Amino acid sequence: MSDHNNGIALVFARTETRWFKNTVWDTATALKFLFKRIHFVRDGKTAKGNSGAPSVLVAYGEEAVIRLGKCELDGAFIEEWK
């Protein structure tokens, strides 16, 4: 996504890892760290367990930043950190 500079990715918020530094901190345009862990739904039923780790939505490109900024999920929107 960073190569195309267009889109929003959902990834684990493993901020200390090399892949996060290379593909998020160094290349993303904006972030939204979600306050609660994600629970997935299948066939209309919410899973008992959660995703197992904190998550972050990662925006690449200006259109993605606008969309992520309008996202109503409970979390912290960060646009400038570089």
PDB file of N, CA and C in Angstrom:
ATOM      1  N   MET A   1       0.807  -1.183   0.000  1.00  0.00           N
ATOM      2  CA  MET A   1       0.000   0.000   0.000  1.00  0.00           C
ATOM      3  C   MET A   1       0.856   1.255   0.000  1.00  0.00           C
ATOM      4  N   SER A   2       1.935   1.209   0.705  1.00  0.00           N
ATOM      5  CA  SER A   2       2.784   2.404   0.732  1.00  0.00           C
ATOM      6  C   SER A   2       3.365   2.699  -0.644  1.00  0.00           C
ATOM      7  N   ASP A   3       3.621   1.682  -1.445  1.00  0.00           N
ATOM      8  CA  ASP A   3       4.120   1.903  -2.804  1.00  0.00           C
ATOM      9  C   ASP A   3       3.093   2.621  -3.671  1.00  0.00           C
ATOM     10  N   HIS A   4       1.816   2.291  -3.492  1.00  0.00           N
ATOM     11  CA  HIS A   4       0.743   2.908  -4.272  1.00  0.00           C
ATOM     12  C   HIS A   4       0.256   4.206  -3.646  1.00  0.00           C
ATOM     13  N   ASN A   5       0.569   4.411  -2.361  1.00  0.00           N
ATOM     14  CA  ASN A   5       0.154   5.598  -1.612  1.00  0.00           C
ATOM     15  C   ASN A   5      -1.355   5.825  -1.705  1.00  0.00           C
ATOM     16  N   ASN A   6      -2.102   4.710  -1.530  1.00  0.00           N
ATOM     17  CA  ASN A   6      -3.549   4.817  -1.641  1.00  0.00           C
ATOM     18  C   ASN A   6      -4.201   3.649  -0.913  1.00  0.00           C
ATOM     19  N   GLY A   7      -4.869   3.921   0.220  1.00  0.00           N
ATOM     20  CA  GLY A   7      -5.614   2.880   0.904  1.00  0.00           C
ATOM     21  C   GLY A   7      -5.457   2.942   2.410  1.00  0.00           C
ATOM     22  N   ILE A   8      -6.239   2.084   3.071  1.00  0.00           N
ATOM     23  CA  ILE A   8      -6.198   1.975   4.532  1.00  0.00           C
ATOM     24  C   ILE A   8      -5.996   0.514   4.891  1.00  0.00           C
ATOM     25  N   ALA A   9      -5.005   0.253   5.708  1.00  0.00           N
ATOM     26  CA  ALA A   9      -4.699  -1.109   6.150  1.00  0.00           C
ATOM     27  C   ALA A   9      -5.058  -1.268   7.622  1.00  0.00           C
ATOM     28  N   LEU A  10      -5.506  -2.459   7.981  1.00  0.00           N
ATOM     29  CA  LEU A  10      -5.753  -2.814   9.378  1.00  0.00           C
ATOM     30  C   LEU A  10      -4.652  -3.775   9.783  1.00  0.00           C
ATOM     31  N   VAL A  11      -3.837  -3.367  10.763  1.00  0.00           N
ATOM     32  CA  VAL A  11      -2.716  -4.200  11.203  1.00  0.00           C
ATOM     33  C   VAL A  11      -2.648  -4.187  12.729  1.00  0.00           C
ATOM     34  N   PHE A  12      -1.904  -5.139  13.272  1.00  0.00           N
ATOM     35  CA  PHE A  12      -1.630  -5.116  14.707  1.00  0.00           C
ATOM     36  C   PHE A  12      -0.716  -3.935  15.021  1.00  0.00           C
ATOM     37  N   ALA A  13      -0.938  -3.324  16.162  1.00  0.00           N
ATOM     38  CA  ALA A  13      -0.153  -2.163  16.581  1.00  0.00           C
ATOM     39  C   ALA A  13       1.115  -2.619  17.292  1.00  0.00           C
ATOM     40  N   ARG A  14       1.972  -3.264  16.558  1.00  0.00           N
ATOM     41  CA  ARG A  14       3.255  -3.741  17.080  1.00  0.00           C
ATOM     42  C   ARG A  14       4.324  -2.685  16.795  1.00  0.00           C
ATOM     43  N   THR A  15       4.198  -1.564  17.500  1.00  0.00           N
ATOM     44  CA  THR A  15       4.983  -0.367  17.194  1.00  0.00           C
ATOM     45  C   THR A  15       6.487  -0.531  17.356  1.00  0.00           C
ATOM     46  N   GLU A  16       6.905  -1.553  18.090  1.00  0.00           N
ATOM     47  CA  GLU A  16       8.341  -1.745  18.351  1.00  0.00           C
ATOM     48  C   GLU A  16       9.033  -2.626  17.318  1.00  0.00           C
ATOM     49  N   THR A  17       8.284  -3.181  16.391  1.00  0.00           N
ATOM     50  CA  THR A  17       8.864  -4.131  15.438  1.00  0.00           C
ATOM     51  C   THR A  17       9.467  -3.448  14.219  1.00  0.00           C
ATOM     52  N   ARG A  18      10.375  -4.139  13.568  1.00  0.00           N
ATOM     53  CA  ARG A  18      11.027  -3.611  12.367  1.00  0.00           C
ATOM     54  C   ARG A  18      10.020  -3.398  11.248  1.00  0.00           C
ATOM     55  N   TRP A  19       9.107  -4.375  11.040  1.00  0.00           N
ATOM     56  CA  TRP A  19       8.142  -4.227   9.949  1.00  0.00           C
ATOM     57  C   TRP A  19       7.236  -3.020  10.182  1.00  0.00           C
ATOM     58  N   PHE A  20       6.880  -2.737  11.445  1.00  0.00           N
ATOM     59  CA  PHE A  20       6.032  -1.575  11.730  1.00  0.00           C
ATOM     60  C   PHE A  20       6.793  -0.291  11.431  1.00  0.00           C
ATOM     61  N   LYS A  21       8.054  -0.244  11.821  1.00  0.00           N
ATOM     62  CA  LYS A  21       8.859   0.941  11.522  1.00  0.00           C
ATOM     63  C   LYS A  21       8.948   1.165  10.024  1.00  0.00           C
ATOM     64  N   ASN A  22       9.256   0.106   9.280  1.00  0.00           N
ATOM     65  CA  ASN A  22       9.472   0.242   7.843  1.00  0.00           C
ATOM     66  C   ASN A  22       8.197   0.520   7.049  1.00  0.00           C
ATOM     67  N   THR A  23       7.097  -0.117   7.426  1.00  0.00           N
ATOM     68  CA  THR A  23       5.888  -0.007   6.610  1.00  0.00           C
ATOM     69  C   THR A  23       4.826   0.923   7.179  1.00  0.00           C
ATOM     70  N   VAL A  24       5.006   1.349   8.428  1.00  0.00           N
ATOM     71  CA  VAL A  24       4.039   2.273   9.017  1.00  0.00           C
ATOM     72  C   VAL A  24       4.714   3.590   9.389  1.00  0.00           C
ATOM     73  N   TRP A  25       5.587   3.573  10.388  1.00  0.00           N
ATOM     74  CA  TRP A  25       6.202   4.826  10.837  1.00  0.00           C
ATOM     75  C   TRP A  25       6.892   5.574   9.696  1.00  0.00           C
ATOM     76  N   ASP A  26       7.616   4.851   8.842  1.00  0.00           N
ATOM     77  CA  ASP A  26       8.394   5.509   7.791  1.00  0.00           C
ATOM     78  C   ASP A  26       7.588   5.899   6.552  1.00  0.00           C
ATOM     79  N   THR A  27       6.407   5.309   6.338  1.00  0.00           N
ATOM     80  CA  THR A  27       5.727   5.529   5.057  1.00  0.00           C
ATOM     81  C   THR A  27       4.262   5.954   5.149  1.00  0.00           C
ATOM     82  N   ALA A  28       3.586   5.733   6.256  1.00  0.00           N
ATOM     83  CA  ALA A  28       2.157   6.040   6.354  1.00  0.00           C
ATOM     84  C   ALA A  28       1.908   7.541   6.406  1.00  0.00           C
ATOM     85  N   THR A  29       0.685   7.927   6.052  1.00  0.00           N
ATOM     86  CA  THR A  29       0.285   9.324   6.059  1.00  0.00           C
ATOM     87  C   THR A  29      -0.464   9.690   7.331  1.00  0.00           C
ATOM     88  N   ALA A  30      -1.233   8.745   7.888  1.00  0.00           N
ATOM     89  CA  ALA A  30      -1.973   8.964   9.142  1.00  0.00           C
ATOM     90  C   ALA A  30      -2.275   7.614   9.783  1.00  0.00           C
ATOM     91  N   LEU A  31      -2.618   7.664  11.079  1.00  0.00           N
ATOM     92  CA  LEU A  31      -2.910   6.447  11.839  1.00  0.00           C
ATOM     93  C   LEU A  31      -4.137   6.669  12.715  1.00  0.00           C
ATOM     94  N   LYS A  32      -4.846   5.584  12.994  1.00  0.00           N
ATOM     95  CA  LYS A  32      -5.893   5.621  14.015  1.00  0.00           C
ATOM     96  C   LYS A  32      -5.715   4.385  14.882  1.00  0.00           C
ATOM     97  N   PHE A  33      -5.164   4.606  16.081  1.00  0.00           N
ATOM     98  CA  PHE A  33      -4.999   3.529  17.041  1.00  0.00           C
ATOM     99  C   PHE A  33      -6.351   3.275  17.688  1.00  0.00           C
ATOM    100  N   LEU A  34      -6.842   2.049  17.603  1.00  0.00           N
ATOM    101  CA  LEU A  34      -8.145   1.714  18.155  1.00  0.00           C
ATOM    102  C   LEU A  34      -8.020   1.457  19.652  1.00  0.00           C
ATOM    103  N   PHE A  35      -8.968   1.994  20.427  1.00  0.00           N
ATOM    104  CA  PHE A  35      -8.903   1.895  21.884  1.00  0.00           C
ATOM    105  C   PHE A  35      -9.247   0.504  22.408  1.00  0.00           C
ATOM    106  N   LYS A  36     -10.072  -0.226  21.685  1.00  0.00           N
ATOM    107  CA  LYS A  36     -10.430  -1.574  22.127  1.00  0.00           C
ATOM    108  C   LYS A  36      -9.966  -2.599  21.106  1.00  0.00           C
ATOM    109  N   ARG A  37      -9.765  -3.814  21.572  1.00  0.00           N
ATOM    110  CA  ARG A  37      -9.399  -4.881  20.649  1.00  0.00           C
ATOM    111  C   ARG A  37     -10.590  -5.285  19.797  1.00  0.00           C
ATOM    112  N   ILE A  38     -10.300  -5.678  18.589  1.00  0.00           N
ATOM    113  CA  ILE A  38     -11.338  -6.036  17.635  1.00  0.00           C
ATOM    114  C   ILE A  38     -11.913  -7.408  17.955  1.00  0.00           C
ATOM    115  N   HIS A  39     -13.214  -7.517  17.827  1.00  0.00           N
ATOM    116  CA  HIS A  39     -13.918  -8.793  17.892  1.00  0.00           C
ATOM    117  C   HIS A  39     -14.482  -9.058  16.508  1.00  0.00           C
ATOM    118  N   PHE A  40     -14.172 -10.182  15.945  1.00  0.00           N
ATOM    119  CA  PHE A  40     -14.658 -10.504  14.617  1.00  0.00           C
ATOM    120  C   PHE A  40     -16.047 -11.117  14.696  1.00  0.00           C
ATOM    121  N   VAL A  41     -16.798 -10.996  13.601  1.00  0.00           N
ATOM    122  CA  VAL A  41     -18.167 -11.498  13.515  1.00  0.00           C
ATOM    123  C   VAL A  41     -18.258 -12.458  12.336  1.00  0.00           C
ATOM    124  N   ARG A  42     -18.913 -13.597  12.564  1.00  0.00           N
ATOM    125  CA  ARG A  42     -19.127 -14.563  11.493  1.00  0.00           C
ATOM    126  C   ARG A  42     -20.574 -15.038  11.546  1.00  0.00           C
ATOM    127  N   ASP A  43     -21.221 -14.981  10.417  1.00  0.00           N
ATOM    128  CA  ASP A  43     -22.633 -15.374  10.321  1.00  0.00           C
ATOM    129  C   ASP A  43     -23.487 -14.637  11.355  1.00  0.00           C
ATOM    130  N   GLY A  44     -23.162 -13.372  11.588  1.00  0.00           N
ATOM    131  CA  GLY A  44     -23.937 -12.554  12.510  1.00  0.00           C
ATOM    132  C   GLY A  44     -23.626 -12.755  13.977  1.00  0.00           C
ATOM    133  N   LYS A  45     -22.672 -13.624  14.297  1.00  0.00           N
ATOM    134  CA  LYS A  45     -22.340 -13.903  15.697  1.00  0.00           C
ATOM    135  C   LYS A  45     -20.936 -13.381  16.020  1.00  0.00           C
ATOM    136  N   THR A  46     -20.852 -12.649  17.125  1.00  0.00           N
ATOM    137  CA  THR A  46     -19.574 -12.111  17.562  1.00  0.00           C
ATOM    138  C   THR A  46     -18.745 -13.217  18.206  1.00  0.00           C
ATOM    139  N   ALA A  47     -17.490 -13.310  17.823  1.00  0.00           N
ATOM    140  CA  ALA A  47     -16.582 -14.307  18.390  1.00  0.00           C
ATOM    141  C   ALA A  47     -16.388 -14.050  19.884  1.00  0.00           C
ATOM    142  N   LYS A  48     -16.178 -15.113  20.641  1.00  0.00           N
ATOM    143  CA  LYS A  48     -15.967 -14.980  22.083  1.00  0.00           C
ATOM    144  C   LYS A  48     -14.661 -14.240  22.380  1.00  0.00           C
ATOM    145  N   GLY A  49     -13.607 -14.625  21.666  1.00  0.00           N
ATOM    146  CA  GLY A  49     -12.314 -14.001  21.890  1.00  0.00           C
ATOM    147  C   GLY A  49     -12.125 -12.781  21.006  1.00  0.00           C
ATOM    148  N   ASN A  50     -11.146 -11.972  21.368  1.00  0.00           N
ATOM    149  CA  ASN A  50     -10.839 -10.816  20.540  1.00  0.00           C
ATOM    150  C   ASN A  50      -9.670 -11.127  19.608  1.00  0.00           C
ATOM    151  N   SER A  51      -9.184 -10.125  18.920  1.00  0.00           N
ATOM    152  CA  SER A  51      -8.130 -10.320  17.931  1.00  0.00           C
ATOM    153  C   SER A  51      -6.799 -10.762  18.551  1.00  0.00           C
ATOM    154  N   GLY A  52      -6.624 -10.583  19.831  1.00  0.00           N
ATOM    155  CA  GLY A  52      -5.415 -11.029  20.507  1.00  0.00           C
ATOM    156  C   GLY A  52      -4.332  -9.981  20.634  1.00  0.00           C
ATOM    157  N   ALA A  53      -4.551  -8.814  20.037  1.00  0.00           N
ATOM    158  CA  ALA A  53      -3.561  -7.738  20.116  1.00  0.00           C
ATOM    159  C   ALA A  53      -4.243  -6.421  19.762  1.00  0.00           C
ATOM    160  N   PRO A  54      -3.647  -5.307  20.165  1.00  0.00           N
ATOM    161  CA  PRO A  54      -4.212  -4.017  19.779  1.00  0.00           C
ATOM    162  C   PRO A  54      -4.053  -3.805  18.274  1.00  0.00           C
ATOM    163  N   SER A  55      -4.958  -3.015  17.702  1.00  0.00           N
ATOM    164  CA  SER A  55      -4.942  -2.794  16.257  1.00  0.00           C
ATOM    165  C   SER A  55      -4.832  -1.316  15.927  1.00  0.00           C
ATOM    166  N   VAL A  56      -4.394  -1.044  14.708  1.00  0.00           N
ATOM    167  CA  VAL A  56      -4.295   0.321  14.197  1.00  0.00           C
ATOM    168  C   VAL A  56      -4.718   0.317  12.734  1.00  0.00           C
ATOM    169  N   LEU A  57      -5.447   1.350  12.351  1.00  0.00           N
ATOM    170  CA  LEU A  57      -5.777   1.578  10.943  1.00  0.00           C
ATOM    171  C   LEU A  57      -4.712   2.512  10.388  1.00  0.00           C
ATOM    172  N   VAL A  58      -4.128   2.152   9.254  1.00  0.00           N
ATOM    173  CA  VAL A  58      -3.002   2.885   8.685  1.00  0.00           C
ATOM    174  C   VAL A  58      -3.407   3.457   7.332  1.00  0.00           C
ATOM    175  N   ALA A  59      -3.363   4.777   7.211  1.00  0.00           N
ATOM    176  CA  ALA A  59      -3.751   5.450   5.973  1.00  0.00           C
ATOM    177  C   ALA A  59      -2.515   5.775   5.136  1.00  0.00           C
ATOM    178  N   TYR A  60      -2.651   5.520   3.841  1.00  0.00           N
ATOM    179  CA  TYR A  60      -1.617   5.883   2.868  1.00  0.00           C
ATOM    180  C   TYR A  60      -2.268   6.765   1.811  1.00  0.00           C
ATOM    181  N   GLY A  61      -1.824   8.012   1.693  1.00  0.00           N
ATOM    182  CA  GLY A  61      -2.368   8.937   0.708  1.00  0.00           C
ATOM    183  C   GLY A  61      -3.416   9.862   1.297  1.00  0.00           C
ATOM    184  N   GLU A  62      -3.610  10.997   0.634  1.00  0.00           N
ATOM    185  CA  GLU A  62      -4.495  12.036   1.161  1.00  0.00           C
ATOM    186  C   GLU A  62      -5.965  11.617   1.214  1.00  0.00           C
ATOM    187  N   GLU A  63      -6.457  10.892   0.222  1.00  0.00           N
ATOM    188  CA  GLU A  63      -7.851  10.441   0.251  1.00  0.00           C
ATOM    189  C   GLU A  63      -8.087   9.509   1.443  1.00  0.00           C
ATOM    190  N   ALA A  64      -7.127   8.649   1.705  1.00  0.00           N
ATOM    191  CA  ALA A  64      -7.237   7.734   2.842  1.00  0.00           C
ATOM    192  C   ALA A  64      -7.224   8.501   4.164  1.00  0.00           C
ATOM    193  N   VAL A  65      -6.448   9.564   4.245  1.00  0.00           N
ATOM    194  CA  VAL A  65      -6.405  10.387   5.459  1.00  0.00           C
ATOM    195  C   VAL A  65      -7.778  11.005   5.721  1.00  0.00           C
ATOM    196  N   ILE A  66      -8.408  11.514   4.679  1.00  0.00           N
ATOM    197  CA  ILE A  66      -9.736  12.117   4.829  1.00  0.00           C
ATOM    198  C   ILE A  66     -10.728  11.081   5.338  1.00  0.00           C
ATOM    199  N   ARG A  67     -10.714   9.901   4.738  1.00  0.00           N
ATOM    200  CA  ARG A  67     -11.643   8.846   5.155  1.00  0.00           C
ATOM    201  C   ARG A  67     -11.364   8.390   6.591  1.00  0.00           C
ATOM    202  N   LEU A  68     -10.087   8.216   6.910  1.00  0.00           N
ATOM    203  CA  LEU A  68      -9.743   7.776   8.260  1.00  0.00           C
ATOM    204  C   LEU A  68     -10.103   8.843   9.294  1.00  0.00           C
ATOM    205  N   GLY A  69      -9.937  10.105   8.930  1.00  0.00           N
ATOM    206  CA  GLY A  69     -10.307  11.201   9.822  1.00  0.00           C
ATOM    207  C   GLY A  69     -11.796  11.218  10.139  1.00  0.00           C
ATOM    208  N   LYS A  70     -12.616  10.715   9.229  1.00  0.00           N
ATOM    209  CA  LYS A  70     -14.070  10.658   9.431  1.00  0.00           C
ATOM    210  C   LYS A  70     -14.517   9.375  10.121  1.00  0.00           C
ATOM    211  N   CYS A  71     -13.602   8.442  10.301  1.00  0.00           N
ATOM    212  CA  CYS A  71     -13.924   7.151  10.912  1.00  0.00           C
ATOM    213  C   CYS A  71     -14.428   7.360  12.340  1.00  0.00           C
ATOM    214  N   GLU A  72     -15.554   6.735  12.661  1.00  0.00           N
ATOM    215  CA  GLU A  72     -16.166   6.934  13.971  1.00  0.00           C
ATOM    216  C   GLU A  72     -15.796   5.865  14.990  1.00  0.00           C
ATOM    217  N   LEU A  73     -14.883   4.981  14.660  1.00  0.00           N
ATOM    218  CA  LEU A  73     -14.424   4.002  15.641  1.00  0.00           C
ATOM    219  C   LEU A  73     -13.698   4.720  16.759  1.00  0.00           C
ATOM    220  N   ASP A  74     -13.838   4.219  17.980  1.00  0.00           N
ATOM    221  CA  ASP A  74     -13.231   4.832  19.154  1.00  0.00           C
ATOM    222  C   ASP A  74     -11.718   4.615  19.115  1.00  0.00           C
ATOM    223  N   GLY A  75     -10.987   5.718  18.981  1.00  0.00           N
ATOM    224  CA  GLY A  75      -9.531   5.607  18.910  1.00  0.00           C
ATOM    225  C   GLY A  75      -8.878   6.956  18.793  1.00  0.00           C
ATOM    226  N   ALA A  76      -7.556   6.948  18.660  1.00  0.00           N
ATOM    227  CA  ALA A  76      -6.777   8.166  18.553  1.00  0.00           C
ATOM    228  C   ALA A  76      -6.276   8.339  17.125  1.00  0.00           C
ATOM    229  N   PHE A  77      -6.670   9.445  16.477  1.00  0.00           N
ATOM    230  CA  PHE A  77      -6.267   9.752  15.122  1.00  0.00           C
ATOM    231  C   PHE A  77      -4.986  10.571  15.169  1.00  0.00           C
ATOM    232  N   ILE A  78      -3.962  10.122  14.464  1.00  0.00           N
ATOM    233  CA  ILE A  78      -2.667  10.799  14.464  1.00  0.00           C
ATOM    234  C   ILE A  78      -2.262  11.059  13.017  1.00  0.00           C
ATOM    235  N   GLU A  79      -2.022  12.333  12.712  1.00  0.00           N
ATOM    236  CA  GLU A  79      -1.673  12.679  11.341  1.00  0.00           C
ATOM    237  C   GLU A  79      -0.229  13.147  11.193  1.00  0.00           C
ATOM    238  N   GLU A  80       0.367  13.650  12.254  1.00  0.00           N
ATOM    239  CA  GLU A  80       1.737  14.146  12.132  1.00  0.00           C
ATOM    240  C   GLU A  80       2.609  13.587  13.245  1.00  0.00           C
ATOM    241  N   TRP A  81       3.670  12.926  12.866  1.00  0.00           N
ATOM    242  CA  TRP A  81       4.620  12.387  13.834  1.00  0.00           C
ATOM    243  C   TRP A  81       6.036  12.401  13.274  1.00  0.00           C
ATOM    244  N   LYS A  82       6.181  12.723  12.038  1.00  0.00           N
ATOM    245  CA  LYS A  82       7.505  12.652  11.385  1.00  0.00           C
ATOM    246  C   LYS A  82       8.284  13.934  11.572  1.00  0.00           C
TER     247      LYS A  82
END
